Amino acid sequence: MITYIKESYLELKNHVTLPPRAESTNLMVVVAVFSILFALATWGVDSLFGKLIQFYFKKLIG
């Protein structure tokens, strides 16, 4: 386990490069926008299914 951690650290230190700050910021905005859109889509589908289930059981019972 210790060897794995040491090798991982060396890999990060010697072989990983970060993109420029401007590119990181743009990518962060893209991820945030898509996350919000996906959350809104999930909420919308959940609300729709909830209303459909309520409608179904109201018709079934009453």
N, C-alpha and C. Protein backbone atom coordinates (compact mmCIF):
# COMPACT_ATOMS: atom_id res chain seq x y z
N MET A 1 0.83 -1.19 0.00
CA MET A 1 0.00 0.00 0.00
C MET A 1 0.88 1.26 0.00
N ILE A 2 1.92 1.25 0.79
CA ILE A 2 2.83 2.40 0.86
C ILE A 2 3.48 2.63 -0.51
N THR A 3 3.88 1.55 -1.16
CA THR A 3 4.51 1.67 -2.48
C THR A 3 3.54 2.29 -3.47
N TYR A 4 2.29 1.87 -3.42
CA TYR A 4 1.27 2.42 -4.31
C TYR A 4 1.12 3.92 -4.09
N ILE A 5 1.07 4.34 -2.85
CA ILE A 5 0.92 5.77 -2.54
C ILE A 5 2.13 6.56 -3.03
N LYS A 6 3.33 6.02 -2.81
CA LYS A 6 4.54 6.71 -3.27
C LYS A 6 4.56 6.82 -4.80
N GLU A 7 4.22 5.73 -5.48
CA GLU A 7 4.21 5.76 -6.94
C GLU A 7 3.14 6.71 -7.48
N SER A 8 1.99 6.74 -6.82
CA SER A 8 0.93 7.66 -7.24
C SER A 8 1.38 9.11 -7.08
N TYR A 9 2.02 9.39 -5.97
CA TYR A 9 2.52 10.75 -5.73
C TYR A 9 3.55 11.14 -6.79
N LEU A 10 4.48 10.24 -7.09
CA LEU A 10 5.49 10.53 -8.10
C LEU A 10 4.86 10.72 -9.48
N GLU A 11 3.86 9.93 -9.79
CA GLU A 11 3.15 10.07 -11.08
C GLU A 11 2.51 11.45 -11.17
N LEU A 12 1.82 11.85 -10.11
CA LEU A 12 1.19 13.17 -10.11
C LEU A 12 2.23 14.29 -10.20
N LYS A 13 3.32 14.13 -9.49
CA LYS A 13 4.36 15.17 -9.45
C LYS A 13 5.08 15.31 -10.79
N ASN A 14 5.36 14.20 -11.46
CA ASN A 14 6.22 14.24 -12.64
C ASN A 14 5.49 14.18 -13.98
N HIS A 15 4.28 13.67 -14.02
CA HIS A 15 3.65 13.43 -15.32
C HIS A 15 2.31 14.14 -15.53
N VAL A 16 1.78 14.76 -14.51
CA VAL A 16 0.48 15.41 -14.64
C VAL A 16 0.69 16.91 -14.79
N THR A 17 0.05 17.49 -15.81
CA THR A 17 0.12 18.94 -15.98
C THR A 17 -1.30 19.50 -15.93
N LEU A 18 -1.43 20.63 -15.31
CA LEU A 18 -2.73 21.27 -15.21
C LEU A 18 -2.94 22.19 -16.41
N PRO A 19 -4.18 22.31 -16.87
CA PRO A 19 -4.44 23.25 -17.96
C PRO A 19 -4.30 24.69 -17.45
N PRO A 20 -4.18 25.63 -18.37
CA PRO A 20 -4.10 27.04 -17.94
C PRO A 20 -5.37 27.45 -17.16
N ARG A 21 -5.22 28.47 -16.35
CA ARG A 21 -6.31 28.91 -15.48
C ARG A 21 -7.57 29.28 -16.29
N ALA A 22 -7.40 29.96 -17.43
CA ALA A 22 -8.55 30.37 -18.24
C ALA A 22 -9.31 29.14 -18.75
N GLU A 23 -8.59 28.13 -19.19
CA GLU A 23 -9.25 26.92 -19.68
C GLU A 23 -9.96 26.19 -18.53
N SER A 24 -9.33 26.15 -17.38
CA SER A 24 -9.96 25.51 -16.20
C SER A 24 -11.25 26.23 -15.83
N THR A 25 -11.22 27.55 -15.87
CA THR A 25 -12.41 28.33 -15.54
C THR A 25 -13.52 28.07 -16.54
N ASN A 26 -13.19 28.04 -17.83
CA ASN A 26 -14.20 27.76 -18.85
C ASN A 26 -14.81 26.37 -18.67
N LEU A 27 -13.97 25.40 -18.40
CA LEU A 27 -14.47 24.04 -18.20
C LEU A 27 -15.35 23.94 -16.95
N MET A 28 -14.97 24.68 -15.91
CA MET A 28 -15.77 24.68 -14.69
C MET A 28 -17.16 25.25 -14.95
N VAL A 29 -17.23 26.32 -15.75
CA VAL A 29 -18.52 26.92 -16.08
C VAL A 29 -19.37 25.94 -16.89
N VAL A 30 -18.75 25.26 -17.85
CA VAL A 30 -19.47 24.28 -18.66
C VAL A 30 -20.03 23.16 -17.78
N VAL A 31 -19.22 22.65 -16.88
CA VAL A 31 -19.67 21.58 -15.97
C VAL A 31 -20.79 22.08 -15.07
N ALA A 32 -20.67 23.29 -14.55
CA ALA A 32 -21.71 23.84 -13.68
C ALA A 32 -23.03 24.01 -14.43
N VAL A 33 -22.97 24.52 -15.66
CA VAL A 33 -24.20 24.72 -16.44
C VAL A 33 -24.86 23.38 -16.74
N PHE A 34 -24.09 22.40 -17.20
CA PHE A 34 -24.67 21.10 -17.49
C PHE A 34 -25.20 20.42 -16.24
N SER A 35 -24.54 20.61 -15.11
CA SER A 35 -25.02 20.03 -13.86
C SER A 35 -26.37 20.63 -13.47
N ILE A 36 -26.49 21.93 -13.62
CA ILE A 36 -27.76 22.60 -13.29
C ILE A 36 -28.85 22.15 -14.26
N LEU A 37 -28.54 22.08 -15.55
CA LEU A 37 -29.54 21.63 -16.52
C LEU A 37 -29.98 20.19 -16.25
N PHE A 38 -29.02 19.33 -15.93
CA PHE A 38 -29.36 17.94 -15.64
C PHE A 38 -30.21 17.84 -14.38
N ALA A 39 -29.89 18.64 -13.36
CA ALA A 39 -30.68 18.64 -12.13
C ALA A 39 -32.11 19.12 -12.41
N LEU A 40 -32.25 20.16 -13.22
CA LEU A 40 -33.59 20.65 -13.56
C LEU A 40 -34.37 19.62 -14.37
N ALA A 41 -33.71 18.94 -15.30
CA ALA A 41 -34.38 17.90 -16.09
C ALA A 41 -34.82 16.76 -15.19
N THR A 42 -33.97 16.35 -14.26
CA THR A 42 -34.32 15.27 -13.33
C THR A 42 -35.49 15.69 -12.45
N TRP A 43 -35.47 16.91 -11.96
CA TRP A 43 -36.57 17.42 -11.14
C TRP A 43 -37.87 17.44 -11.94
N GLY A 44 -37.79 17.88 -13.20
CA GLY A 44 -38.98 17.94 -14.04
C GLY A 44 -39.58 16.56 -14.30
N VAL A 45 -38.75 15.59 -14.62
CA VAL A 45 -39.23 14.23 -14.87
C VAL A 45 -39.80 13.65 -13.59
N ASP A 46 -39.14 13.88 -12.46
CA ASP A 46 -39.63 13.38 -11.18
C ASP A 46 -40.99 13.99 -10.84
N SER A 47 -41.13 15.28 -11.06
CA SER A 47 -42.41 15.95 -10.79
C SER A 47 -43.51 15.41 -11.70
N LEU A 48 -43.19 15.22 -12.97
CA LEU A 48 -44.16 14.69 -13.91
C LEU A 48 -44.62 13.29 -13.51
N PHE A 49 -43.67 12.42 -13.20
CA PHE A 49 -44.04 11.07 -12.78
C PHE A 49 -44.83 11.08 -11.48
N GLY A 50 -44.47 11.97 -10.56
CA GLY A 50 -45.22 12.08 -9.31
C GLY A 50 -46.67 12.47 -9.57
N LYS A 51 -46.89 13.43 -10.46
CA LYS A 51 -48.26 13.85 -10.78
C LYS A 51 -49.02 12.75 -11.51
N LEU A 52 -48.34 12.04 -12.40
CA LEU A 52 -48.99 10.93 -13.11
C LEU A 52 -49.41 9.83 -12.14
N ILE A 53 -48.56 9.52 -11.20
CA ILE A 53 -48.89 8.48 -10.21
C ILE A 53 -50.04 8.93 -9.33
N GLN A 54 -50.04 10.20 -8.91
CA GLN A 54 -51.16 10.73 -8.12
C GLN A 54 -52.46 10.65 -8.92
N PHE A 55 -52.41 11.05 -10.17
CA PHE A 55 -53.59 11.00 -11.03
C PHE A 55 -54.10 9.57 -11.17
N TYR A 56 -53.19 8.63 -11.38
CA TYR A 56 -53.57 7.23 -11.55
C TYR A 56 -54.26 6.70 -10.30
N PHE A 57 -53.68 6.95 -9.13
CA PHE A 57 -54.27 6.42 -7.91
C PHE A 57 -55.56 7.13 -7.52
N LYS A 58 -55.71 8.40 -7.87
CA LYS A 58 -56.99 9.08 -7.62
C LYS A 58 -58.08 8.47 -8.48
N LYS A 59 -57.76 8.15 -9.73
CA LYS A 59 -58.74 7.51 -10.61
C LYS A 59 -59.03 6.09 -10.15
N LEU A 60 -58.02 5.38 -9.66
CA LEU A 60 -58.17 4.00 -9.23
C LEU A 60 -59.02 3.93 -7.97
N ILE A 61 -58.80 4.83 -7.02
CA ILE A 61 -59.50 4.78 -5.74
C ILE A 61 -60.86 5.47 -5.85
N GLY A 62 -60.90 6.64 -6.44
CA GLY A 62 -62.13 7.38 -6.39
C GLY A 62 -62.73 7.53 -7.71
